[in-house]
Amino acid sequence: MGDIDIANDTVSADVVAKFDLPAYLLSQQAIVASHLESALEPRYPERLFESMWYSLSSDGKRLRPILCLAGCSLSGGDPELAIPTACALEMLHVASLIHDDLPAMDDDDYRRGKPANHKVFGEGIALLAGDALLAYALEFILLNTRQVPAERLLRVMHTLINRVGISGLVGGQAVDIECEGREDIDLETVEFIHTRKTGSLIDAAMVTGATLAGADDDTIARLSRYARKVGVAFQIVDDVLDVIGTRQELGKTPNKDEKSRKATYPRLFGVDGSMQRARELVDSAKKEIAPFGQPAVPLLAMAEFVCTRTS
């Protein structure tokens, strides 16, 4: 299981265009949501639990858990094996959003169309809710993963810890804060932030899904390159939408990056130049996985969605 023979021909653009991505995403979101509902049981202290569940249950794209399940399927595995890791990825992502919205970080009053966690529960509980989700995500994988060899599970845990920590999401967030308001930002710095703050957890989703399926090193490497390129493109488009979107469309406050003088692609290249770069990254990402043929169609369609989304 997991040994993929790469096809000689790639999937045609017409096949990808005909794929019903909205239906696929809705079905996968429903699967993730149903498992998340039972993943977090009410417990003492109640207010901390309520804070955790408030953000975890919010409407979201569930992109990272969906990518985890897709990576497992493409690699020849049973996506059921990846459900605990997929749920944990959403917990890790939500924890980062709770922290990101805090006044000491990006200071946003809204997230996913409703008041940010700290506006409802206060900064202290919000901070602790993020911490609790970070820890519980890893515990949840260990307690709920079944029929996966210990070596694979260890690789999954290492991947998640690495991509969340100083080499990944946290490191990217730190540089993002350090660069706020500076006028001397450059492309290398912006790419460092985007690759880690956004790309690392998307990379973790693909890599862990493939790892659980027992994929070979070449498959994991291809999926990792796909994920990192898609992750950076996703963040570029996110920054563009911050410039041109509305709060109703985005579910959060727009124009914050410019007001805070954030290190972003639009600040360096404008809207058009940023979208061109996002398109280049998406096209390159698609080339990484197109040789897998039909099993790659959902991932190809999701990559294309990155450049066309409006929220």
C-alpha atoms as a PDB file:
ATOM      1  CA  MET A   1       0.000   0.000   0.000  1.00  0.00           C
ATOM      2  CA  GLY A   2       1.279   3.456  -0.860  1.00  0.00           C
ATOM      3  CA  ASP A   3       3.636   2.433  -3.694  1.00  0.00           C
ATOM      4  CA  ILE A   4       2.386   4.530  -6.615  1.00  0.00           C
ATOM      5  CA  ASP A   5       3.381   3.933 -10.222  1.00  0.00           C
ATOM      6  CA  ILE A   6       3.494   7.380 -11.794  1.00  0.00           C
ATOM      7  CA  ALA A   7       1.654   7.399 -15.113  1.00  0.00           C
ATOM      8  CA  ASN A   8       3.359   8.402 -18.343  1.00  0.00           C
ATOM      9  CA  ASP A   9       0.601  10.831 -19.222  1.00  0.00           C
ATOM     10  CA  THR A  10      -0.878  13.582 -17.086  1.00  0.00           C
ATOM     11  CA  VAL A  11      -4.498  14.508 -16.420  1.00  0.00           C
ATOM     12  CA  SER A  12      -5.987  16.852 -19.006  1.00  0.00           C
ATOM     13  CA  ALA A  13      -7.126  20.323 -17.990  1.00  0.00           C
ATOM     14  CA  ASP A  14     -10.611  19.431 -19.231  1.00  0.00           C
ATOM     15  CA  VAL A  15     -10.893  16.563 -16.749  1.00  0.00           C
ATOM     16  CA  VAL A  16      -9.886  18.846 -13.885  1.00  0.00           C
ATOM     17  CA  ALA A  17     -12.285  21.582 -15.046  1.00  0.00           C
ATOM     18  CA  LYS A  18     -15.200  19.105 -15.058  1.00  0.00           C
ATOM     19  CA  PHE A  19     -14.434  17.861 -11.545  1.00  0.00           C
ATOM     20  CA  ASP A  20     -17.168  18.986  -9.133  1.00  0.00           C
ATOM     21  CA  LEU A  21     -14.923  20.599  -6.555  1.00  0.00           C
ATOM     22  CA  PRO A  22     -17.695  22.299  -4.518  1.00  0.00           C
ATOM     23  CA  ALA A  23     -19.463  18.961  -4.039  1.00  0.00           C
ATOM     24  CA  TYR A  24     -16.188  17.248  -3.146  1.00  0.00           C
ATOM     25  CA  LEU A  25     -15.289  19.922  -0.593  1.00  0.00           C
ATOM     26  CA  LEU A  26     -18.754  19.843   0.977  1.00  0.00           C
ATOM     27  CA  SER A  27     -18.645  16.062   1.342  1.00  0.00           C
ATOM     28  CA  GLN A  28     -15.163  16.141   2.867  1.00  0.00           C
ATOM     29  CA  GLN A  29     -16.038  19.050   5.159  1.00  0.00           C
ATOM     30  CA  ALA A  30     -19.038  17.069   6.408  1.00  0.00           C
ATOM     31  CA  ILE A  31     -16.818  14.080   7.180  1.00  0.00           C
ATOM     32  CA  VAL A  32     -14.359  16.233   9.124  1.00  0.00           C
ATOM     33  CA  ALA A  33     -17.128  18.121  10.951  1.00  0.00           C
ATOM     34  CA  SER A  34     -18.848  14.895  12.037  1.00  0.00           C
ATOM     35  CA  HIS A  35     -15.632  13.598  13.595  1.00  0.00           C
ATOM     36  CA  LEU A  36     -14.768  16.931  15.209  1.00  0.00           C
ATOM     37  CA  GLU A  37     -18.161  16.946  16.952  1.00  0.00           C
ATOM     38  CA  SER A  38     -17.151  13.915  18.999  1.00  0.00           C
ATOM     39  CA  ALA A  39     -13.467  14.802  19.266  1.00  0.00           C
ATOM     40  CA  LEU A  40     -13.811  17.330  22.062  1.00  0.00           C
ATOM     41  CA  GLU A  41     -15.900  16.209  25.030  1.00  0.00           C
ATOM     42  CA  PRO A  42     -17.197  18.821  27.509  1.00  0.00           C
ATOM     43  CA  ARG A  43     -15.109  18.902  30.650  1.00  0.00           C
ATOM     44  CA  TYR A  44     -13.921  21.046  33.537  1.00  0.00           C
ATOM     45  CA  PRO A  45     -12.938  23.881  33.379  1.00  0.00           C
ATOM     46  CA  GLU A  46     -16.076  24.561  31.366  1.00  0.00           C
ATOM     47  CA  ARG A  47     -15.172  28.041  30.130  1.00  0.00           C
ATOM     48  CA  LEU A  48     -11.889  26.822  28.658  1.00  0.00           C
ATOM     49  CA  PHE A  49     -13.723  24.000  26.880  1.00  0.00           C
ATOM     50  CA  GLU A  50     -16.345  26.459  25.596  1.00  0.00           C
ATOM     51  CA  SER A  51     -13.606  28.682  24.229  1.00  0.00           C
ATOM     52  CA  MET A  52     -11.904  25.769  22.460  1.00  0.00           C
ATOM     53  CA  TRP A  53     -15.165  24.533  20.957  1.00  0.00           C
ATOM     54  CA  TYR A  54     -16.295  28.042  19.971  1.00  0.00           C
ATOM     55  CA  SER A  55     -13.435  28.331  17.499  1.00  0.00           C
ATOM     56  CA  LEU A  56     -13.118  24.677  16.520  1.00  0.00           C
ATOM     57  CA  SER A  57     -16.805  24.475  15.561  1.00  0.00           C
ATOM     58  CA  SER A  58     -16.774  27.698  13.513  1.00  0.00           C
ATOM     59  CA  ASP A  59     -17.452  27.450   9.800  1.00  0.00           C
ATOM     60  CA  GLY A  60     -14.196  27.112   7.893  1.00  0.00           C
ATOM     61  CA  LYS A  61     -12.784  25.654   4.708  1.00  0.00           C
ATOM     62  CA  ARG A  62     -11.244  22.677   6.584  1.00  0.00           C
ATOM     63  CA  LEU A  63      -8.581  22.762   3.876  1.00  0.00           C
ATOM     64  CA  ARG A  64      -5.817  21.153   5.920  1.00  0.00           C
ATOM     65  CA  PRO A  65      -7.776  18.077   7.067  1.00  0.00           C
ATOM     66  CA  ILE A  66      -9.177  17.643   3.550  1.00  0.00           C
ATOM     67  CA  LEU A  67      -5.656  17.730   2.117  1.00  0.00           C
ATOM     68  CA  CYS A  68      -4.570  15.127   4.663  1.00  0.00           C
ATOM     69  CA  LEU A  69      -7.340  12.760   3.594  1.00  0.00           C
ATOM     70  CA  ALA A  70      -6.602  13.445  -0.087  1.00  0.00           C
ATOM     71  CA  GLY A  71      -2.894  12.755   0.406  1.00  0.00           C
ATOM     72  CA  CYS A  72      -3.709   9.446   2.047  1.00  0.00           C
ATOM     73  CA  SER A  73      -6.085   8.453  -0.760  1.00  0.00           C
ATOM     74  CA  LEU A  74      -3.687   9.438  -3.544  1.00  0.00           C
ATOM     75  CA  SER A  75      -0.986   7.340  -1.863  1.00  0.00           C
ATOM     76  CA  GLY A  76      -3.193   4.253  -1.941  1.00  0.00           C
ATOM     77  CA  GLY A  77      -4.252   4.322   1.702  1.00  0.00           C
ATOM     78  CA  ASP A  78      -7.629   4.120   3.403  1.00  0.00           C
ATOM     79  CA  PRO A  79      -8.564   7.712   4.359  1.00  0.00           C
ATOM     80  CA  GLU A  80     -10.249   6.381   7.498  1.00  0.00           C
ATOM     81  CA  LEU A  81      -6.744   5.806   8.876  1.00  0.00           C
ATOM     82  CA  ALA A  82      -6.058   9.519   8.536  1.00  0.00           C
ATOM     83  CA  ILE A  83      -9.214  10.833  10.234  1.00  0.00           C
ATOM     84  CA  PRO A  84      -7.571  11.412  13.667  1.00  0.00           C
ATOM     85  CA  THR A  85      -4.649  13.242  12.067  1.00  0.00           C
ATOM     86  CA  ALA A  86      -7.010  15.252   9.864  1.00  0.00           C
ATOM     87  CA  CYS A  87      -8.970  16.361  12.936  1.00  0.00           C
ATOM     88  CA  ALA A  88      -5.740  17.193  14.744  1.00  0.00           C
ATOM     89  CA  LEU A  89      -4.616  19.364  11.830  1.00  0.00           C
ATOM     90  CA  GLU A  90      -7.798  21.407  12.146  1.00  0.00           C
ATOM     91  CA  MET A  91      -7.164  21.751  15.885  1.00  0.00           C
ATOM     92  CA  LEU A  92      -3.632  22.970  15.214  1.00  0.00           C
ATOM     93  CA  HIS A  93      -4.845  25.410  12.579  1.00  0.00           C
ATOM     94  CA  VAL A  94      -7.622  26.761  14.803  1.00  0.00           C
ATOM     95  CA  ALA A  95      -5.155  27.179  17.673  1.00  0.00           C
ATOM     96  CA  SER A  96      -2.973  29.303  15.401  1.00  0.00           C
ATOM     97  CA  LEU A  97      -5.987  31.418  14.390  1.00  0.00           C
ATOM     98  CA  ILE A  98      -6.993  32.045  18.015  1.00  0.00           C
ATOM     99  CA  HIS A  99      -3.467  33.221  18.783  1.00  0.00           C
ATOM    100  CA  ASP A 100      -3.181  35.153  15.515  1.00  0.00           C
ATOM    101  CA  ASP A 101      -6.232  37.273  16.368  1.00  0.00           C
ATOM    102  CA  LEU A 102      -4.918  38.338  19.787  1.00  0.00           C
ATOM    103  CA  PRO A 103      -4.037  42.030  20.252  1.00  0.00           C
ATOM    104  CA  ALA A 104      -0.365  41.129  20.721  1.00  0.00           C
ATOM    105  CA  MET A 105      -0.341  39.391  17.338  1.00  0.00           C
ATOM    106  CA  ASP A 106      -2.483  40.488  14.345  1.00  0.00           C
ATOM    107  CA  ASP A 107      -5.172  42.063  16.558  1.00  0.00           C
ATOM    108  CA  ASP A 108      -8.396  41.155  14.740  1.00  0.00           C
ATOM    109  CA  ASP A 109     -11.896  41.360  16.195  1.00  0.00           C
ATOM    110  CA  TYR A 110     -13.443  38.871  13.753  1.00  0.00           C
ATOM    111  CA  ARG A 111     -12.708  35.374  12.518  1.00  0.00           C
ATOM    112  CA  ARG A 112     -14.771  33.134  10.232  1.00  0.00           C
ATOM    113  CA  GLY A 113     -17.628  35.627  10.244  1.00  0.00           C
ATOM    114  CA  LYS A 114     -18.057  36.001  14.006  1.00  0.00           C
ATOM    115  CA  PRO A 115     -16.264  37.724  16.899  1.00  0.00           C
ATOM    116  CA  ALA A 116     -12.738  36.478  17.507  1.00  0.00           C
ATOM    117  CA  ASN A 117     -12.252  34.136  20.454  1.00  0.00           C
ATOM    118  CA  HIS A 118     -10.675  36.753  22.718  1.00  0.00           C
ATOM    119  CA  LYS A 119     -13.574  39.164  22.109  1.00  0.00           C
ATOM    120  CA  VAL A 120     -15.936  36.570  23.592  1.00  0.00           C
ATOM    121  CA  PHE A 121     -13.839  34.844  26.264  1.00  0.00           C
ATOM    122  CA  GLY A 122     -11.130  37.389  27.040  1.00  0.00           C
ATOM    123  CA  GLU A 123      -7.453  37.330  26.111  1.00  0.00           C
ATOM    124  CA  GLY A 124      -6.344  35.005  28.905  1.00  0.00           C
ATOM    125  CA  ILE A 125      -8.807  32.207  28.164  1.00  0.00           C
ATOM    126  CA  ALA A 126      -8.287  32.618  24.407  1.00  0.00           C
ATOM    127  CA  LEU A 127      -4.542  32.221  24.828  1.00  0.00           C
ATOM    128  CA  LEU A 128      -5.049  29.112  26.952  1.00  0.00           C
ATOM    129  CA  ALA A 129      -7.620  27.695  24.510  1.00  0.00           C
ATOM    130  CA  GLY A 130      -5.041  27.895  21.742  1.00  0.00           C
ATOM    131  CA  ASP A 131      -2.444  26.243  23.966  1.00  0.00           C
ATOM    132  CA  ALA A 132      -4.899  23.497  24.932  1.00  0.00           C
ATOM    133  CA  LEU A 133      -5.790  22.746  21.300  1.00  0.00           C
ATOM    134  CA  LEU A 134      -2.105  22.510  20.376  1.00  0.00           C
ATOM    135  CA  ALA A 135      -1.502  19.904  23.073  1.00  0.00           C
ATOM    136  CA  TYR A 136      -4.768  18.044  22.607  1.00  0.00           C
ATOM    137  CA  ALA A 137      -4.231  17.699  18.843  1.00  0.00           C
ATOM    138  CA  LEU A 138      -1.170  15.528  19.397  1.00  0.00           C
ATOM    139  CA  GLU A 139      -2.821  13.541  22.189  1.00  0.00           C
ATOM    140  CA  PHE A 140      -5.856  12.963  19.974  1.00  0.00           C
ATOM    141  CA  ILE A 141      -3.727  11.346  17.266  1.00  0.00           C
ATOM    142  CA  LEU A 142      -2.052   9.003  19.729  1.00  0.00           C
ATOM    143  CA  LEU A 143      -5.307   7.955  21.379  1.00  0.00           C
ATOM    144  CA  ASN A 144      -7.369   7.453  18.232  1.00  0.00           C
ATOM    145  CA  THR A 145      -5.132   6.245  15.398  1.00  0.00           C
ATOM    146  CA  ARG A 146      -5.660   2.555  14.679  1.00  0.00           C
ATOM    147  CA  GLN A 147      -3.985  -0.036  12.441  1.00  0.00           C
ATOM    148  CA  VAL A 148      -1.000   2.164  11.644  1.00  0.00           C
ATOM    149  CA  PRO A 149       2.540   0.887  12.323  1.00  0.00           C
ATOM    150  CA  ALA A 150       4.270   2.677  15.188  1.00  0.00           C
ATOM    151  CA  GLU A 151       7.082   3.862  12.909  1.00  0.00           C
ATOM    152  CA  ARG A 152       4.634   5.671  10.631  1.00  0.00           C
ATOM    153  CA  LEU A 153       2.833   7.213  13.581  1.00  0.00           C
ATOM    154  CA  LEU A 154       6.134   8.459  14.981  1.00  0.00           C
ATOM    155  CA  ARG A 155       6.945  10.083  11.617  1.00  0.00           C
ATOM    156  CA  VAL A 156       3.527  11.750  11.630  1.00  0.00           C
ATOM    157  CA  MET A 157       4.103  13.166  15.106  1.00  0.00           C
ATOM    158  CA  HIS A 158       7.567  14.417  14.201  1.00  0.00           C
ATOM    159  CA  THR A 159       6.230  16.067  11.040  1.00  0.00           C
ATOM    160  CA  LEU A 160       3.523  17.928  12.937  1.00  0.00           C
ATOM    161  CA  ILE A 161       5.819  19.057  15.750  1.00  0.00           C
ATOM    162  CA  ASN A 162       8.408  20.258  13.231  1.00  0.00           C
ATOM    163  CA  ARG A 163       5.913  22.120  11.026  1.00  0.00           C
ATOM    164  CA  VAL A 164       4.237  23.853  13.964  1.00  0.00           C
ATOM    165  CA  GLY A 165       7.378  24.853  15.877  1.00  0.00           C
ATOM    166  CA  ILE A 166      10.276  27.218  15.359  1.00  0.00           C
ATOM    167  CA  SER A 167      11.097  25.676  11.977  1.00  0.00           C
ATOM    168  CA  GLY A 168       7.532  26.174  10.791  1.00  0.00           C
ATOM    169  CA  LEU A 169       4.424  28.092  11.752  1.00  0.00           C
ATOM    170  CA  VAL A 170       5.725  29.665  14.979  1.00  0.00           C
ATOM    171  CA  GLY A 171       8.989  30.716  13.347  1.00  0.00           C
ATOM    172  CA  GLY A 172       7.119  32.314  10.459  1.00  0.00           C
ATOM    173  CA  GLN A 173       4.800  34.159  12.837  1.00  0.00           C
ATOM    174  CA  ALA A 174       7.786  35.465  14.812  1.00  0.00           C
ATOM    175  CA  VAL A 175       9.431  36.941  11.709  1.00  0.00           C
ATOM    176  CA  ASP A 176       6.066  38.344  10.627  1.00  0.00           C
ATOM    177  CA  ILE A 177       5.817  40.248  13.923  1.00  0.00           C
ATOM    178  CA  GLU A 178       9.422  41.433  13.734  1.00  0.00           C
ATOM    179  CA  CYS A 179       8.886  42.836  10.223  1.00  0.00           C
ATOM    180  CA  GLU A 180       5.654  44.657  10.986  1.00  0.00           C
ATOM    181  CA  GLY A 181       6.022  48.349  10.173  1.00  0.00           C
ATOM    182  CA  ARG A 182       9.485  48.022   8.671  1.00  0.00           C
ATOM    183  CA  GLU A 183      10.217  49.631   5.312  1.00  0.00           C
ATOM    184  CA  ASP A 184      13.193  47.461   4.376  1.00  0.00           C
ATOM    185  CA  ILE A 185      11.377  44.176   3.718  1.00  0.00           C
ATOM    186  CA  ASP A 186      12.464  42.094   0.736  1.00  0.00           C
ATOM    187  CA  LEU A 187      11.207  39.089  -1.215  1.00  0.00           C
ATOM    188  CA  GLU A 188      13.376  36.636   0.716  1.00  0.00           C
ATOM    189  CA  THR A 189      11.820  37.721   4.009  1.00  0.00           C
ATOM    190  CA  VAL A 190       8.264  37.603   2.682  1.00  0.00           C
ATOM    191  CA  GLU A 191       8.832  34.112   1.258  1.00  0.00           C
ATOM    192  CA  PHE A 192      10.299  32.968   4.582  1.00  0.00           C
ATOM    193  CA  ILE A 193       7.155  34.136   6.387  1.00  0.00           C
ATOM    194  CA  HIS A 194       4.690  32.684   3.886  1.00  0.00           C
ATOM    195  CA  THR A 195       6.484  29.347   3.517  1.00  0.00           C
ATOM    196  CA  ARG A 196       6.400  28.781   7.262  1.00  0.00           C
ATOM    197  CA  LYS A 197       3.400  30.662   8.609  1.00  0.00           C
ATOM    198  CA  THR A 198       1.010  29.183   6.026  1.00  0.00           C
ATOM    199  CA  GLY A 199       2.853  26.675   3.870  1.00  0.00           C
ATOM    200  CA  SER A 200       4.253  24.530   6.678  1.00  0.00           C
ATOM    201  CA  LEU A 201       0.903  23.298   8.036  1.00  0.00           C
ATOM    202  CA  ILE A 202      -0.443  22.657   4.531  1.00  0.00           C
ATOM    203  CA  ASP A 203       2.751  20.717   3.862  1.00  0.00           C
ATOM    204  CA  ALA A 204       2.192  18.800   7.108  1.00  0.00           C
ATOM    205  CA  ALA A 205      -1.295  17.831   5.942  1.00  0.00           C
ATOM    206  CA  MET A 206      -0.071  16.297   2.703  1.00  0.00           C
ATOM    207  CA  VAL A 207       2.985  14.628   4.205  1.00  0.00           C
ATOM    208  CA  THR A 208       1.148  13.069   7.151  1.00  0.00           C
ATOM    209  CA  GLY A 209      -1.654  11.760   4.945  1.00  0.00           C
ATOM    210  CA  ALA A 210       0.854  10.116   2.616  1.00  0.00           C
ATOM    211  CA  THR A 211       2.929   8.813   5.525  1.00  0.00           C
ATOM    212  CA  LEU A 212      -0.081   7.109   7.113  1.00  0.00           C
ATOM    213  CA  ALA A 213      -0.702   5.359   3.782  1.00  0.00           C
ATOM    214  CA  GLY A 214       2.879   4.095   3.671  1.00  0.00           C
ATOM    215  CA  ALA A 215       3.829   6.171   0.621  1.00  0.00           C
ATOM    216  CA  ASP A 216       7.361   5.929  -0.730  1.00  0.00           C
ATOM    217  CA  ASP A 217       9.846   8.794  -0.401  1.00  0.00           C
ATOM    218  CA  ASP A 218       9.329  10.067  -3.949  1.00  0.00           C
ATOM    219  CA  THR A 219       5.563  10.330  -3.491  1.00  0.00           C
ATOM    220  CA  ILE A 220       5.978  12.158  -0.172  1.00  0.00           C
ATOM    221  CA  ALA A 221       8.519  14.538  -1.720  1.00  0.00           C
ATOM    222  CA  ARG A 222       6.202  15.352  -4.627  1.00  0.00           C
ATOM    223  CA  LEU A 223       3.255  15.973  -2.330  1.00  0.00           C
ATOM    224  CA  SER A 224       5.408  18.124  -0.058  1.00  0.00           C
ATOM    225  CA  ARG A 225       6.541  20.315  -2.955  1.00  0.00           C
ATOM    226  CA  TYR A 226       2.951  20.583  -4.173  1.00  0.00           C
ATOM    227  CA  ALA A 227       1.771  21.577  -0.701  1.00  0.00           C
ATOM    228  CA  ARG A 228       4.413  24.222  -0.075  1.00  0.00           C
ATOM    229  CA  LYS A 229       3.767  25.899  -3.409  1.00  0.00           C
ATOM    230  CA  VAL A 230       0.011  25.809  -2.906  1.00  0.00           C
ATOM    231  CA  GLY A 231       0.481  27.072   0.655  1.00  0.00           C
ATOM    232  CA  VAL A 232       2.457  30.130  -0.410  1.00  0.00           C
ATOM    233  CA  ALA A 233      -0.006  30.811  -3.246  1.00  0.00           C
ATOM    234  CA  PHE A 234      -2.874  30.543  -0.756  1.00  0.00           C
ATOM    235  CA  GLN A 235      -1.260  33.156   1.483  1.00  0.00           C
ATOM    236  CA  ILE A 236      -0.530  35.460  -1.438  1.00  0.00           C
ATOM    237  CA  VAL A 237      -4.185  35.360  -2.472  1.00  0.00           C
ATOM    238  CA  ASP A 238      -5.182  35.848   1.177  1.00  0.00           C
ATOM    239  CA  ASP A 239      -3.072  39.022   1.255  1.00  0.00           C
ATOM    240  CA  VAL A 240      -4.589  40.210  -2.022  1.00  0.00           C
ATOM    241  CA  LEU A 241      -8.100  39.618  -0.679  1.00  0.00           C
ATOM    242  CA  ASP A 242      -7.153  41.672   2.383  1.00  0.00           C
ATOM    243  CA  VAL A 243      -6.633  44.561  -0.059  1.00  0.00           C
ATOM    244  CA  ILE A 244      -9.692  44.110  -2.279  1.00  0.00           C
ATOM    245  CA  GLY A 245     -12.178  42.130  -0.143  1.00  0.00           C
ATOM    246  CA  THR A 246     -14.887  43.108   2.331  1.00  0.00           C
ATOM    247  CA  ARG A 247     -15.495  41.903   5.886  1.00  0.00           C
ATOM    248  CA  GLN A 248     -18.644  40.126   4.704  1.00  0.00           C
ATOM    249  CA  GLU A 249     -16.654  38.215   2.071  1.00  0.00           C
ATOM    250  CA  LEU A 250     -13.619  37.480   4.224  1.00  0.00           C
ATOM    251  CA  GLY A 251     -15.225  36.899   7.613  1.00  0.00           C
ATOM    252  CA  LYS A 252     -12.525  39.092   9.153  1.00  0.00           C
ATOM    253  CA  THR A 253     -11.350  42.697   9.034  1.00  0.00           C
ATOM    254  CA  PRO A 254      -9.935  43.765   5.628  1.00  0.00           C
ATOM    255  CA  ASN A 255      -7.106  46.231   4.891  1.00  0.00           C
ATOM    256  CA  LYS A 256      -5.307  45.319   8.117  1.00  0.00           C
ATOM    257  CA  ASP A 257      -2.043  44.360   6.400  1.00  0.00           C
ATOM    258  CA  GLU A 258      -1.575  47.809   4.894  1.00  0.00           C
ATOM    259  CA  LYS A 259      -2.506  49.600   8.110  1.00  0.00           C
ATOM    260  CA  SER A 260       0.040  47.505  10.027  1.00  0.00           C
ATOM    261  CA  ARG A 261       2.608  47.668   7.211  1.00  0.00           C
ATOM    262  CA  LYS A 262       2.841  43.875   7.064  1.00  0.00           C
ATOM    263  CA  ALA A 263       5.459  42.068   4.991  1.00  0.00           C
ATOM    264  CA  THR A 264       3.279  40.861   2.086  1.00  0.00           C
ATOM    265  CA  TYR A 265       3.466  40.228  -1.638  1.00  0.00           C
ATOM    266  CA  PRO A 266       0.965  43.033  -2.459  1.00  0.00           C
ATOM    267  CA  ARG A 267       3.190  45.484  -0.619  1.00  0.00           C
ATOM    268  CA  LEU A 268       6.146  44.467  -2.803  1.00  0.00           C
ATOM    269  CA  PHE A 269       4.452  43.753  -6.141  1.00  0.00           C
ATOM    270  CA  GLY A 270       0.917  45.140  -5.996  1.00  0.00           C
ATOM    271  CA  VAL A 271      -2.262  43.157  -6.611  1.00  0.00           C
ATOM    272  CA  ASP A 272      -1.584  42.176 -10.231  1.00  0.00           C
ATOM    273  CA  GLY A 273       2.034  41.164  -9.636  1.00  0.00           C
ATOM    274  CA  SER A 274       1.021  39.131  -6.596  1.00  0.00           C
ATOM    275  CA  MET A 275      -1.689  37.263  -8.469  1.00  0.00           C
ATOM    276  CA  GLN A 276       0.772  36.509 -11.258  1.00  0.00           C
ATOM    277  CA  ARG A 277       3.147  34.970  -8.721  1.00  0.00           C
ATOM    278  CA  ALA A 278       0.302  32.952  -7.173  1.00  0.00           C
ATOM    279  CA  ARG A 279      -0.589  31.622 -10.613  1.00  0.00           C
ATOM    280  CA  GLU A 280       3.037  30.608 -11.276  1.00  0.00           C
ATOM    281  CA  LEU A 281       3.176  28.722  -7.982  1.00  0.00           C
ATOM    282  CA  VAL A 282      -0.135  26.940  -8.583  1.00  0.00           C
ATOM    283  CA  ASP A 283       0.896  25.888 -12.096  1.00  0.00           C
ATOM    284  CA  SER A 284       4.190  24.565 -10.742  1.00  0.00           C
ATOM    285  CA  ALA A 285       2.414  22.729  -7.916  1.00  0.00           C
ATOM    286  CA  LYS A 286       0.063  21.039 -10.361  1.00  0.00           C
ATOM    287  CA  LYS A 287       3.014  19.747 -12.380  1.00  0.00           C
ATOM    288  CA  GLU A 288       4.318  17.972  -9.277  1.00  0.00           C
ATOM    289  CA  ILE A 289       1.255  15.732  -8.960  1.00  0.00           C
ATOM    290  CA  ALA A 290      -0.298  15.600 -12.445  1.00  0.00           C
ATOM    291  CA  PRO A 291       1.723  12.438 -13.317  1.00  0.00           C
ATOM    292  CA  PHE A 292      -0.270  10.512 -10.693  1.00  0.00           C
ATOM    293  CA  GLY A 293      -3.218  10.604 -13.072  1.00  0.00           C
ATOM    294  CA  GLN A 294      -6.848  10.326 -11.999  1.00  0.00           C
ATOM    295  CA  PRO A 295      -6.156  10.060  -8.226  1.00  0.00           C
ATOM    296  CA  ALA A 296      -4.608  13.537  -8.390  1.00  0.00           C
ATOM    297  CA  VAL A 297      -7.708  15.255  -9.814  1.00  0.00           C
ATOM    298  CA  PRO A 298      -9.095  16.527  -6.454  1.00  0.00           C
ATOM    299  CA  LEU A 299      -5.693  17.985  -5.557  1.00  0.00           C
ATOM    300  CA  LEU A 300      -5.319  19.571  -8.991  1.00  0.00           C
ATOM    301  CA  ALA A 301      -8.764  21.134  -8.666  1.00  0.00           C
ATOM    302  CA  MET A 302      -7.983  22.413  -5.160  1.00  0.00           C
ATOM    303  CA  ALA A 303      -4.784  24.029  -6.425  1.00  0.00           C
ATOM    304  CA  GLU A 304      -6.752  25.812  -9.129  1.00  0.00           C
ATOM    305  CA  PHE A 305      -9.297  26.938  -6.530  1.00  0.00           C
ATOM    306  CA  VAL A 306      -6.548  28.802  -4.685  1.00  0.00           C
ATOM    307  CA  CYS A 307      -6.259  31.336  -7.518  1.00  0.00           C
ATOM    308  CA  THR A 308      -9.991  31.790  -8.018  1.00  0.00           C
ATOM    309  CA  ARG A 309     -11.340  31.972  -4.470  1.00  0.00           C
ATOM    310  CA  THR A 310     -12.957  35.161  -3.164  1.00  0.00           C
ATOM    311  CA  SER A 311     -12.901  34.445   0.553  1.00  0.00           C
END
